[in-house]
């Protein structure tokens, strides 16, 4: 369900503001967690 927009994608450090009481939460992948956290701070500067 990580690609299902009706589920909350639960990487709290990056998606916490999207949580609005959803009762269906998709836990991110292990590699996907490490990758997103290492890329996110530079996202607006990427080429």
ModelCIF file with pLDDT and N, C-alpha, C, O atoms, coordinates in Angstrom:
data_MODEL
#
_entry.id   MODEL 
#
_entity.id                         1 
_entity.type                       polymer 
_entity.pdbx_number_of_molecules   1 
#
_entity_poly.entity_id                      1 
_entity_poly.type                           'polypeptide(L)' 
_entity_poly.nstd_linkage                   no 
_entity_poly.nstd_monomer                   no 
_entity_poly.pdbx_seq_one_letter_code       
;(UNK)(UNK)(UNK)(UNK)(UNK)(UNK)(UNK)(UNK)(UNK)(UNK)(UNK)(UNK)(UNK)(UNK)(UNK)(UNK)
(UNK)(UNK)(UNK)(UNK)(UNK)(UNK)(UNK)(UNK)(UNK)(UNK)(UNK)(UNK)(UNK)(UNK)(UNK)(UNK)
(UNK)(UNK)(UNK)(UNK)(UNK)(UNK)(UNK)(UNK)(UNK)(UNK)(UNK)(UNK)(UNK)(UNK)(UNK)
;
_entity_poly.pdbx_seq_one_letter_code_can   XXXXXXXXXXXXXXXXXXXXXXXXXXXXXXXXXXXXXXXXXXXXXXX 
_entity_poly.pdbx_strand_id                 A 
#
loop_
_entity_poly_seq.entity_id 
_entity_poly_seq.num 
_entity_poly_seq.mon_id 
_entity_poly_seq.hetero 
1 1  UNK n 
1 2  UNK n 
1 3  UNK n 
1 4  UNK n 
1 5  UNK n 
1 6  UNK n 
1 7  UNK n 
1 8  UNK n 
1 9  UNK n 
1 10 UNK n 
1 11 UNK n 
1 12 UNK n 
1 13 UNK n 
1 14 UNK n 
1 15 UNK n 
1 16 UNK n 
1 17 UNK n 
1 18 UNK n 
1 19 UNK n 
1 20 UNK n 
1 21 UNK n 
1 22 UNK n 
1 23 UNK n 
1 24 UNK n 
1 25 UNK n 
1 26 UNK n 
1 27 UNK n 
1 28 UNK n 
1 29 UNK n 
1 30 UNK n 
1 31 UNK n 
1 32 UNK n 
1 33 UNK n 
1 34 UNK n 
1 35 UNK n 
1 36 UNK n 
1 37 UNK n 
1 38 UNK n 
1 39 UNK n 
1 40 UNK n 
1 41 UNK n 
1 42 UNK n 
1 43 UNK n 
1 44 UNK n 
1 45 UNK n 
1 46 UNK n 
1 47 UNK n 
#
_struct_asym.id          A 
_struct_asym.entity_id   1 
#
loop_
_ma_qa_metric.id 
_ma_qa_metric.mode 
_ma_qa_metric.name 
_ma_qa_metric.software_group_id 
_ma_qa_metric.type 
1 global pLDDT . pLDDT 
2 local  pLDDT . pLDDT 
#
_ma_qa_metric_global.metric_id      1 
_ma_qa_metric_global.metric_value   97.74 
_ma_qa_metric_global.model_id       1 
_ma_qa_metric_global.ordinal_id     1 
#
loop_
_ma_qa_metric_local.label_asym_id 
_ma_qa_metric_local.label_comp_id 
_ma_qa_metric_local.label_seq_id 
_ma_qa_metric_local.metric_id 
_ma_qa_metric_local.metric_value 
_ma_qa_metric_local.model_id 
_ma_qa_metric_local.ordinal_id 
A UNK 1  2 98.00 1 1  
A UNK 2  2 98.00 1 2  
A UNK 3  2 98.00 1 3  
A UNK 4  2 98.00 1 4  
A UNK 5  2 96.00 1 5  
A UNK 6  2 97.00 1 6  
A UNK 7  2 98.00 1 7  
A UNK 8  2 98.00 1 8  
A UNK 9  2 98.00 1 9  
A UNK 10 2 98.00 1 10 
A UNK 11 2 98.00 1 11 
A UNK 12 2 98.00 1 12 
A UNK 13 2 98.00 1 13 
A UNK 14 2 98.00 1 14 
A UNK 15 2 98.00 1 15 
A UNK 16 2 97.00 1 16 
A UNK 17 2 96.00 1 17 
A UNK 18 2 97.00 1 18 
A UNK 19 2 98.00 1 19 
A UNK 20 2 97.00 1 20 
A UNK 21 2 97.00 1 21 
A UNK 22 2 98.00 1 22 
A UNK 23 2 98.00 1 23 
A UNK 24 2 98.00 1 24 
A UNK 25 2 98.00 1 25 
A UNK 26 2 98.00 1 26 
A UNK 27 2 98.00 1 27 
A UNK 28 2 98.00 1 28 
A UNK 29 2 96.00 1 29 
A UNK 30 2 97.00 1 30 
A UNK 31 2 98.00 1 31 
A UNK 32 2 98.00 1 32 
A UNK 33 2 98.00 1 33 
A UNK 34 2 98.00 1 34 
A UNK 35 2 98.00 1 35 
A UNK 36 2 98.00 1 36 
A UNK 37 2 98.00 1 37 
A UNK 38 2 98.00 1 38 
A UNK 39 2 98.00 1 39 
A UNK 40 2 98.00 1 40 
A UNK 41 2 98.00 1 41 
A UNK 42 2 98.00 1 42 
A UNK 43 2 98.00 1 43 
A UNK 44 2 98.00 1 44 
A UNK 45 2 98.00 1 45 
A UNK 46 2 98.00 1 46 
A UNK 47 2 98.00 1 47 
#
loop_
_atom_site.group_PDB 
_atom_site.id 
_atom_site.type_symbol 
_atom_site.label_atom_id 
_atom_site.label_alt_id 
_atom_site.label_comp_id 
_atom_site.label_asym_id 
_atom_site.label_entity_id 
_atom_site.label_seq_id 
_atom_site.pdbx_PDB_ins_code 
_atom_site.Cartn_x 
_atom_site.Cartn_y 
_atom_site.Cartn_z 
_atom_site.occupancy 
_atom_site.B_iso_or_equiv 
_atom_site.pdbx_formal_charge 
_atom_site.auth_seq_id 
_atom_site.auth_comp_id 
_atom_site.auth_asym_id 
_atom_site.auth_atom_id 
_atom_site.pdbx_PDB_model_num 
ATOM 1   N N  . UNK A 1 1  ? 0.807  -1.224 0.000   1.00 98.00 ? 1  UNK A N  1 
ATOM 2   C CA . UNK A 1 1  ? 0.000  0.000  0.000   1.00 98.00 ? 1  UNK A CA 1 
ATOM 3   C C  . UNK A 1 1  ? 0.840  1.274  0.000   1.00 98.00 ? 1  UNK A C  1 
ATOM 4   O O  . UNK A 1 1  ? 0.310  2.362  0.224   1.00 98.00 ? 1  UNK A O  1 
ATOM 5   N N  . UNK A 1 2  ? 2.139  1.150  -0.248  1.00 98.00 ? 2  UNK A N  1 
ATOM 6   C CA . UNK A 1 2  ? 2.998  2.340  -0.260  1.00 98.00 ? 2  UNK A CA 1 
ATOM 7   C C  . UNK A 1 2  ? 2.732  3.250  -1.457  1.00 98.00 ? 2  UNK A C  1 
ATOM 8   O O  . UNK A 1 2  ? 3.145  4.409  -1.468  1.00 98.00 ? 2  UNK A O  1 
ATOM 9   N N  . UNK A 1 3  ? 2.041  2.718  -2.461  1.00 98.00 ? 3  UNK A N  1 
ATOM 10  C CA . UNK A 1 3  ? 1.746  3.497  -3.660  1.00 98.00 ? 3  UNK A CA 1 
ATOM 11  C C  . UNK A 1 3  ? 0.253  3.829  -3.744  1.00 98.00 ? 3  UNK A C  1 
ATOM 12  O O  . UNK A 1 3  ? -0.239 4.228  -4.799  1.00 98.00 ? 3  UNK A O  1 
ATOM 13  N N  . UNK A 1 4  ? -0.457 3.664  -2.638  1.00 98.00 ? 4  UNK A N  1 
ATOM 14  C CA . UNK A 1 4  ? -1.898 3.894  -2.576  1.00 98.00 ? 4  UNK A CA 1 
ATOM 15  C C  . UNK A 1 4  ? -2.150 5.205  -1.838  1.00 98.00 ? 4  UNK A C  1 
ATOM 16  O O  . UNK A 1 4  ? -1.895 5.296  -0.637  1.00 98.00 ? 4  UNK A O  1 
ATOM 17  N N  . UNK A 1 5  ? -2.641 6.203  -2.530  1.00 96.00 ? 5  UNK A N  1 
ATOM 18  C CA . UNK A 1 5  ? -2.831 7.525  -1.929  1.00 96.00 ? 5  UNK A CA 1 
ATOM 19  C C  . UNK A 1 5  ? -3.934 7.565  -0.872  1.00 96.00 ? 5  UNK A C  1 
ATOM 20  O O  . UNK A 1 5  ? -4.044 8.543  -0.132  1.00 96.00 ? 5  UNK A O  1 
ATOM 21  N N  . UNK A 1 6  ? -4.746 6.519  -0.795  1.00 97.00 ? 6  UNK A N  1 
ATOM 22  C CA . UNK A 1 6  ? -5.769 6.490  0.246   1.00 97.00 ? 6  UNK A CA 1 
ATOM 23  C C  . UNK A 1 6  ? -5.191 6.067  1.602   1.00 97.00 ? 6  UNK A C  1 
ATOM 24  O O  . UNK A 1 6  ? -5.879 6.145  2.620   1.00 97.00 ? 6  UNK A O  1 
ATOM 25  N N  . UNK A 1 7  ? -3.945 5.625  1.617   1.00 98.00 ? 7  UNK A N  1 
ATOM 26  C CA . UNK A 1 7  ? -3.249 5.255  2.845   1.00 98.00 ? 7  UNK A CA 1 
ATOM 27  C C  . UNK A 1 7  ? -2.272 6.371  3.214   1.00 98.00 ? 7  UNK A C  1 
ATOM 28  O O  . UNK A 1 7  ? -1.710 7.036  2.344   1.00 98.00 ? 7  UNK A O  1 
ATOM 29  N N  . UNK A 1 8  ? -2.081 6.563  4.528   1.00 98.00 ? 8  UNK A N  1 
ATOM 30  C CA . UNK A 1 8  ? -1.042 7.465  5.004   1.00 98.00 ? 8  UNK A CA 1 
ATOM 31  C C  . UNK A 1 8  ? 0.303  6.753  4.916   1.00 98.00 ? 8  UNK A C  1 
ATOM 32  O O  . UNK A 1 8  ? 0.458  5.635  5.406   1.00 98.00 ? 8  UNK A O  1 
ATOM 33  N N  . UNK A 1 9  ? 1.266  7.410  4.290   1.00 98.00 ? 9  UNK A N  1 
ATOM 34  C CA . UNK A 1 9  ? 2.619  6.865  4.178   1.00 98.00 ? 9  UNK A CA 1 
ATOM 35  C C  . UNK A 1 9  ? 3.406  7.326  5.395   1.00 98.00 ? 9  UNK A C  1 
ATOM 36  O O  . UNK A 1 9  ? 3.712  8.509  5.537   1.00 98.00 ? 9  UNK A O  1 
ATOM 37  N N  . UNK A 1 10 ? 3.734  6.376  6.276   1.00 98.00 ? 10 UNK A N  1 
ATOM 38  C CA . UNK A 1 10 ? 4.190  6.720  7.609   1.00 98.00 ? 10 UNK A CA 1 
ATOM 39  C C  . UNK A 1 10 ? 5.682  6.829  7.820   1.00 98.00 ? 10 UNK A C  1 
ATOM 40  O O  . UNK A 1 10 ? 6.271  6.011  8.527   1.00 98.00 ? 10 UNK A O  1 
ATOM 41  N N  . UNK A 1 11 ? 6.308  7.835  7.212   1.00 98.00 ? 11 UNK A N  1 
ATOM 42  C CA . UNK A 1 11 ? 7.680  8.206  7.553   1.00 98.00 ? 11 UNK A CA 1 
ATOM 43  C C  . UNK A 1 11 ? 7.578  9.524  8.325   1.00 98.00 ? 11 UNK A C  1 
ATOM 44  O O  . UNK A 1 11 ? 7.724  10.599 7.744   1.00 98.00 ? 11 UNK A O  1 
ATOM 45  N N  . UNK A 1 12 ? 7.325  9.435  9.644   1.00 98.00 ? 12 UNK A N  1 
ATOM 46  C CA . UNK A 1 12 ? 6.895  10.613 10.401  1.00 98.00 ? 12 UNK A CA 1 
ATOM 47  C C  . UNK A 1 12 ? 7.795  11.828 10.259  1.00 98.00 ? 12 UNK A C  1 
ATOM 48  O O  . UNK A 1 12 ? 7.302  12.954 10.193  1.00 98.00 ? 12 UNK A O  1 
ATOM 49  N N  . UNK A 1 13 ? 9.104  11.622 10.211  1.00 98.00 ? 13 UNK A N  1 
ATOM 50  C CA . UNK A 1 13 ? 10.021 12.756 10.121  1.00 98.00 ? 13 UNK A CA 1 
ATOM 51  C C  . UNK A 1 13 ? 9.785  13.606 8.869   1.00 98.00 ? 13 UNK A C  1 
ATOM 52  O O  . UNK A 1 13 ? 10.114 14.792 8.848   1.00 98.00 ? 13 UNK A O  1 
ATOM 53  N N  . UNK A 1 14 ? 9.216  12.998 7.834   1.00 98.00 ? 14 UNK A N  1 
ATOM 54  C CA . UNK A 1 14 ? 8.973  13.721 6.590   1.00 98.00 ? 14 UNK A CA 1 
ATOM 55  C C  . UNK A 1 14 ? 7.492  13.884 6.258   1.00 98.00 ? 14 UNK A C  1 
ATOM 56  O O  . UNK A 1 14 ? 7.134  14.778 5.490   1.00 98.00 ? 14 UNK A O  1 
ATOM 57  N N  . UNK A 1 15 ? 6.628  13.045 6.815   1.00 98.00 ? 15 UNK A N  1 
ATOM 58  C CA . UNK A 1 15 ? 5.216  13.065 6.409   1.00 98.00 ? 15 UNK A CA 1 
ATOM 59  C C  . UNK A 1 15 ? 4.255  13.336 7.561   1.00 98.00 ? 15 UNK A C  1 
ATOM 60  O O  . UNK A 1 15 ? 3.041  13.213 7.397   1.00 98.00 ? 15 UNK A O  1 
ATOM 61  N N  . UNK A 1 16 ? 4.779  13.699 8.707   1.00 97.00 ? 16 UNK A N  1 
ATOM 62  C CA . UNK A 1 16 ? 3.945  13.884 9.900   1.00 97.00 ? 16 UNK A CA 1 
ATOM 63  C C  . UNK A 1 16 ? 2.793  14.857 9.647   1.00 97.00 ? 16 UNK A C  1 
ATOM 64  O O  . UNK A 1 16 ? 1.682  14.651 10.136  1.00 97.00 ? 16 UNK A O  1 
ATOM 65  N N  . UNK A 1 17 ? 3.059  15.903 8.892   1.00 96.00 ? 17 UNK A N  1 
ATOM 66  C CA . UNK A 1 17 ? 2.027  16.919 8.661   1.00 96.00 ? 17 UNK A CA 1 
ATOM 67  C C  . UNK A 1 17 ? 0.880  16.398 7.805   1.00 96.00 ? 17 UNK A C  1 
ATOM 68  O O  . UNK A 1 17 ? -0.192 17.002 7.776   1.00 96.00 ? 17 UNK A O  1 
ATOM 69  N N  . UNK A 1 18 ? 1.089  15.290 7.111   1.00 97.00 ? 18 UNK A N  1 
ATOM 70  C CA . UNK A 1 18 ? 0.020  14.713 6.298   1.00 97.00 ? 18 UNK A CA 1 
ATOM 71  C C  . UNK A 1 18 ? -0.918 13.820 7.116   1.00 97.00 ? 18 UNK A C  1 
ATOM 72  O O  . UNK A 1 18 ? -1.969 13.410 6.623   1.00 97.00 ? 18 UNK A O  1 
ATOM 73  N N  . UNK A 1 19 ? -0.541 13.520 8.363   1.00 98.00 ? 19 UNK A N  1 
ATOM 74  C CA . UNK A 1 19 ? -1.390 12.622 9.147   1.00 98.00 ? 19 UNK A CA 1 
ATOM 75  C C  . UNK A 1 19 ? -2.596 13.365 9.686   1.00 98.00 ? 19 UNK A C  1 
ATOM 76  O O  . UNK A 1 19 ? -2.470 14.376 10.377  1.00 98.00 ? 19 UNK A O  1 
ATOM 77  N N  . UNK A 1 20 ? -3.779 12.839 9.353   1.00 97.00 ? 20 UNK A N  1 
ATOM 78  C CA . UNK A 1 20 ? -5.026 13.486 9.775   1.00 97.00 ? 20 UNK A CA 1 
ATOM 79  C C  . UNK A 1 20 ? -5.990 12.439 10.323  1.00 97.00 ? 20 UNK A C  1 
ATOM 80  O O  . UNK A 1 20 ? -7.190 12.487 10.055  1.00 97.00 ? 20 UNK A O  1 
ATOM 81  N N  . UNK A 1 21 ? -5.456 11.498 11.091  1.00 97.00 ? 21 UNK A N  1 
ATOM 82  C CA . UNK A 1 21 ? -6.304 10.500 11.716  1.00 97.00 ? 21 UNK A CA 1 
ATOM 83  C C  . UNK A 1 21 ? -6.579 9.276  10.878  1.00 97.00 ? 21 UNK A C  1 
ATOM 84  O O  . UNK A 1 21 ? -7.458 8.488  11.227  1.00 97.00 ? 21 UNK A O  1 
ATOM 85  N N  . UNK A 1 22 ? -5.854 9.080  9.770   1.00 98.00 ? 22 UNK A N  1 
ATOM 86  C CA . UNK A 1 22 ? -6.089 7.907  8.921   1.00 98.00 ? 22 UNK A CA 1 
ATOM 87  C C  . UNK A 1 22 ? -5.896 6.624  9.726   1.00 98.00 ? 22 UNK A C  1 
ATOM 88  O O  . UNK A 1 22 ? -5.002 6.537  10.568  1.00 98.00 ? 22 UNK A O  1 
ATOM 89  N N  . UNK A 1 23 ? -6.744 5.631  9.457   1.00 98.00 ? 23 UNK A N  1 
ATOM 90  C CA . UNK A 1 23 ? -6.649 4.343  10.164  1.00 98.00 ? 23 UNK A CA 1 
ATOM 91  C C  . UNK A 1 23 ? -5.911 3.296  9.340   1.00 98.00 ? 23 UNK A C  1 
ATOM 92  O O  . UNK A 1 23 ? -5.826 2.138  9.748   1.00 98.00 ? 23 UNK A O  1 
ATOM 93  N N  . UNK A 1 24 ? -5.385 3.682  8.202   1.00 98.00 ? 24 UNK A N  1 
ATOM 94  C CA . UNK A 1 24 ? -4.608 2.778  7.350   1.00 98.00 ? 24 UNK A CA 1 
ATOM 95  C C  . UNK A 1 24 ? -3.254 3.442  7.105   1.00 98.00 ? 24 UNK A C  1 
ATOM 96  O O  . UNK A 1 24 ? -3.173 4.487  6.459   1.00 98.00 ? 24 UNK A O  1 
ATOM 97  N N  . UNK A 1 25 ? -2.200 2.829  7.622   1.00 98.00 ? 25 UNK A N  1 
ATOM 98  C CA . UNK A 1 25 ? -0.857 3.402  7.554   1.00 98.00 ? 25 UNK A CA 1 
ATOM 99  C C  . UNK A 1 25 ? 0.080  2.405  6.894   1.00 98.00 ? 25 UNK A C  1 
ATOM 100 O O  . UNK A 1 25 ? 0.174  1.251  7.315   1.00 98.00 ? 25 UNK A O  1 
ATOM 101 N N  . UNK A 1 26 ? 0.769  2.858  5.860   1.00 98.00 ? 26 UNK A N  1 
ATOM 102 C CA . UNK A 1 26 ? 1.764  2.039  5.183   1.00 98.00 ? 26 UNK A CA 1 
ATOM 103 C C  . UNK A 1 26 ? 3.148  2.382  5.721   1.00 98.00 ? 26 UNK A C  1 
ATOM 104 O O  . UNK A 1 26 ? 3.591  3.528  5.641   1.00 98.00 ? 26 UNK A O  1 
ATOM 105 N N  . UNK A 1 27 ? 3.823  1.378  6.269   1.00 98.00 ? 27 UNK A N  1 
ATOM 106 C CA . UNK A 1 27 ? 5.177  1.573  6.799   1.00 98.00 ? 27 UNK A CA 1 
ATOM 107 C C  . UNK A 1 27 ? 6.177  1.623  5.638   1.00 98.00 ? 27 UNK A C  1 
ATOM 108 O O  . UNK A 1 27 ? 6.143  0.742  4.779   1.00 98.00 ? 27 UNK A O  1 
ATOM 109 N N  . UNK A 1 28 ? 7.056  2.613  5.585   1.00 98.00 ? 28 UNK A N  1 
ATOM 110 C CA . UNK A 1 28 ? 8.014  2.689  4.479   1.00 98.00 ? 28 UNK A CA 1 
ATOM 111 C C  . UNK A 1 28 ? 8.990  1.520  4.469   1.00 98.00 ? 28 UNK A C  1 
ATOM 112 O O  . UNK A 1 28 ? 9.174  0.838  5.477   1.00 98.00 ? 28 UNK A O  1 
ATOM 113 N N  . UNK A 1 29 ? 9.610  1.301  3.313   1.00 96.00 ? 29 UNK A N  1 
ATOM 114 C CA . UNK A 1 29 ? 10.656 0.300  3.210   1.00 96.00 ? 29 UNK A CA 1 
ATOM 115 C C  . UNK A 1 29 ? 11.902 0.718  3.974   1.00 96.00 ? 29 UNK A C  1 
ATOM 116 O O  . UNK A 1 29 ? 12.106 1.898  4.258   1.00 96.00 ? 29 UNK A O  1 
ATOM 117 N N  . UNK A 1 30 ? 12.737 -0.270 4.304   1.00 97.00 ? 30 UNK A N  1 
ATOM 118 C CA . UNK A 1 30 ? 13.934 0.021  5.099   1.00 97.00 ? 30 UNK A CA 1 
ATOM 119 C C  . UNK A 1 30 ? 14.907 0.903  4.335   1.00 97.00 ? 30 UNK A C  1 
ATOM 120 O O  . UNK A 1 30 ? 15.286 1.972  4.814   1.00 97.00 ? 30 UNK A O  1 
ATOM 121 N N  . UNK A 1 31 ? 15.313 0.465  3.154   1.00 98.00 ? 31 UNK A N  1 
ATOM 122 C CA . UNK A 1 31 ? 16.189 1.291  2.331   1.00 98.00 ? 31 UNK A CA 1 
ATOM 123 C C  . UNK A 1 31 ? 15.532 2.630  2.012   1.00 98.00 ? 31 UNK A C  1 
ATOM 124 O O  . UNK A 1 31 ? 16.194 3.668  2.001   1.00 98.00 ? 31 UNK A O  1 
ATOM 125 N N  . UNK A 1 32 ? 14.224 2.600  1.752   1.00 98.00 ? 32 UNK A N  1 
ATOM 126 C CA . UNK A 1 32 ? 13.519 3.826  1.379   1.00 98.00 ? 32 UNK A CA 1 
ATOM 127 C C  . UNK A 1 32 ? 13.564 4.853  2.503   1.00 98.00 ? 32 UNK A C  1 
ATOM 128 O O  . UNK A 1 32 ? 13.630 6.054  2.238   1.00 98.00 ? 32 UNK A O  1 
ATOM 129 N N  . UNK A 1 33 ? 13.529 4.401  3.747   1.00 98.00 ? 33 UNK A N  1 
ATOM 130 C CA . UNK A 1 33 ? 13.628 5.315  4.886   1.00 98.00 ? 33 UNK A CA 1 
ATOM 131 C C  . UNK A 1 33 ? 14.981 6.007  4.899   1.00 98.00 ? 33 UNK A C  1 
ATOM 132 O O  . UNK A 1 33 ? 15.054 7.232  4.990   1.00 98.00 ? 33 UNK A O  1 
ATOM 133 N N  . UNK A 1 34 ? 16.053 5.227  4.809   1.00 98.00 ? 34 UNK A N  1 
ATOM 134 C CA . UNK A 1 34 ? 17.401 5.810  4.848   1.00 98.00 ? 34 UNK A CA 1 
ATOM 135 C C  . UNK A 1 34 ? 17.642 6.735  3.667   1.00 98.00 ? 34 UNK A C  1 
ATOM 136 O O  . UNK A 1 34 ? 18.262 7.787  3.823   1.00 98.00 ? 34 UNK A O  1 
ATOM 137 N N  . UNK A 1 35 ? 17.158 6.357  2.483   1.00 98.00 ? 35 UNK A N  1 
ATOM 138 C CA . UNK A 1 35 ? 17.359 7.194  1.305   1.00 98.00 ? 35 UNK A CA 1 
ATOM 139 C C  . UNK A 1 35 ? 16.617 8.514  1.419   1.00 98.00 ? 35 UNK A C  1 
ATOM 140 O O  . UNK A 1 35 ? 17.190 9.568  1.143   1.00 98.00 ? 35 UNK A O  1 
ATOM 141 N N  . UNK A 1 36 ? 15.347 8.475  1.821   1.00 98.00 ? 36 UNK A N  1 
ATOM 142 C CA . UNK A 1 36 ? 14.572 9.717  1.889   1.00 98.00 ? 36 UNK A CA 1 
ATOM 143 C C  . UNK A 1 36 ? 15.146 10.678 2.922   1.00 98.00 ? 36 UNK A C  1 
ATOM 144 O O  . UNK A 1 36 ? 15.210 11.885 2.687   1.00 98.00 ? 36 UNK A O  1 
ATOM 145 N N  . UNK A 1 37 ? 15.563 10.140 4.067   1.00 98.00 ? 37 UNK A N  1 
ATOM 146 C CA . UNK A 1 37 ? 16.082 11.011 5.114   1.00 98.00 ? 37 UNK A CA 1 
ATOM 147 C C  . UNK A 1 37 ? 17.411 11.645 4.721   1.00 98.00 ? 37 UNK A C  1 
ATOM 148 O O  . UNK A 1 37 ? 17.709 12.762 5.144   1.00 98.00 ? 37 UNK A O  1 
ATOM 149 N N  . UNK A 1 38 ? 18.211 10.952 3.921   1.00 98.00 ? 38 UNK A N  1 
ATOM 150 C CA . UNK A 1 38 ? 19.504 11.514 3.529   1.00 98.00 ? 38 UNK A CA 1 
ATOM 151 C C  . UNK A 1 38 ? 19.367 12.495 2.358   1.00 98.00 ? 38 UNK A C  1 
ATOM 152 O O  . UNK A 1 38 ? 20.220 13.365 2.181   1.00 98.00 ? 38 UNK A O  1 
ATOM 153 N N  . UNK A 1 39 ? 18.316 12.362 1.572   1.00 98.00 ? 39 UNK A N  1 
ATOM 154 C CA . UNK A 1 39 ? 18.128 13.246 0.418   1.00 98.00 ? 39 UNK A CA 1 
ATOM 155 C C  . UNK A 1 39 ? 17.289 14.479 0.759   1.00 98.00 ? 39 UNK A C  1 
ATOM 156 O O  . UNK A 1 39 ? 17.546 15.558 0.227   1.00 98.00 ? 39 UNK A O  1 
ATOM 157 N N  . UNK A 1 40 ? 16.303 14.341 1.626   1.00 98.00 ? 40 UNK A N  1 
ATOM 158 C CA . UNK A 1 40 ? 15.282 15.379 1.834   1.00 98.00 ? 40 UNK A CA 1 
ATOM 159 C C  . UNK A 1 40 ? 15.827 16.773 2.146   1.00 98.00 ? 40 UNK A C  1 
ATOM 160 O O  . UNK A 1 40 ? 15.310 17.743 1.592   1.00 98.00 ? 40 UNK A O  1 
ATOM 161 N N  . UNK A 1 41 ? 16.841 16.928 2.999   1.00 98.00 ? 41 UNK A N  1 
ATOM 162 C CA . UNK A 1 41 ? 17.286 18.296 3.300   1.00 98.00 ? 41 UNK A CA 1 
ATOM 163 C C  . UNK A 1 41 ? 17.831 19.070 2.103   1.00 98.00 ? 41 UNK A C  1 
ATOM 164 O O  . UNK A 1 41 ? 17.880 20.300 2.133   1.00 98.00 ? 41 UNK A O  1 
ATOM 165 N N  . UNK A 1 42 ? 18.242 18.360 1.049   1.00 98.00 ? 42 UNK A N  1 
ATOM 166 C CA . UNK A 1 42 ? 18.796 19.024 -0.128  1.00 98.00 ? 42 UNK A CA 1 
ATOM 167 C C  . UNK A 1 42 ? 17.833 19.007 -1.311  1.00 98.00 ? 42 UNK A C  1 
ATOM 168 O O  . UNK A 1 42 ? 18.220 19.363 -2.424  1.00 98.00 ? 42 UNK A O  1 
ATOM 169 N N  . UNK A 1 43 ? 16.611 18.608 -1.090  1.00 98.00 ? 43 UNK A N  1 
ATOM 170 C CA . UNK A 1 43 ? 15.686 18.337 -2.195  1.00 98.00 ? 43 UNK A CA 1 
ATOM 171 C C  . UNK A 1 43 ? 15.495 19.549 -3.110  1.00 98.00 ? 43 UNK A C  1 
ATOM 172 O O  . UNK A 1 43 ? 15.450 19.405 -4.332  1.00 98.00 ? 43 UNK A O  1 
ATOM 173 N N  . UNK A 1 44 ? 15.385 20.730 -2.526  1.00 98.00 ? 44 UNK A N  1 
ATOM 174 C CA . UNK A 1 44 ? 15.122 21.923 -3.347  1.00 98.00 ? 44 UNK A CA 1 
ATOM 175 C C  . UNK A 1 44 ? 16.356 22.404 -4.112  1.00 98.00 ? 44 UNK A C  1 
ATOM 176 O O  . UNK A 1 44 ? 16.256 23.323 -4.926  1.00 98.00 ? 44 UNK A O  1 
ATOM 177 N N  . UNK A 1 45 ? 17.515 21.797 -3.861  1.00 98.00 ? 45 UNK A N  1 
ATOM 178 C CA . UNK A 1 45 ? 18.751 22.228 -4.508  1.00 98.00 ? 45 UNK A CA 1 
ATOM 179 C C  . UNK A 1 45 ? 19.278 21.202 -5.508  1.00 98.00 ? 45 UNK A C  1 
ATOM 180 O O  . UNK A 1 45 ? 20.360 21.387 -6.065  1.00 98.00 ? 45 UNK A O  1 
ATOM 181 N N  . UNK A 1 46 ? 18.534 20.132 -5.741  1.00 98.00 ? 46 UNK A N  1 
ATOM 182 C CA . UNK A 1 46 ? 19.049 19.044 -6.565  1.00 98.00 ? 46 UNK A CA 1 
ATOM 183 C C  . UNK A 1 46 ? 19.000 19.376 -8.054  1.00 98.00 ? 46 UNK A C  1 
ATOM 184 O O  . UNK A 1 46 ? 18.113 20.078 -8.539  1.00 98.00 ? 46 UNK A O  1 
ATOM 185 N N  . UNK A 1 47 ? 19.985 18.844 -8.744  1.00 98.00 ? 47 UNK A N  1 
ATOM 186 C CA . UNK A 1 47 ? 20.052 18.959 -10.202 1.00 98.00 ? 47 UNK A CA 1 
ATOM 187 C C  . UNK A 1 47 ? 20.208 17.545 -10.754 1.00 98.00 ? 47 UNK A C  1 
ATOM 188 O O  . UNK A 1 47 ? 20.289 17.361 -11.969 1.00 98.00 ? 47 UNK A O  1 
#
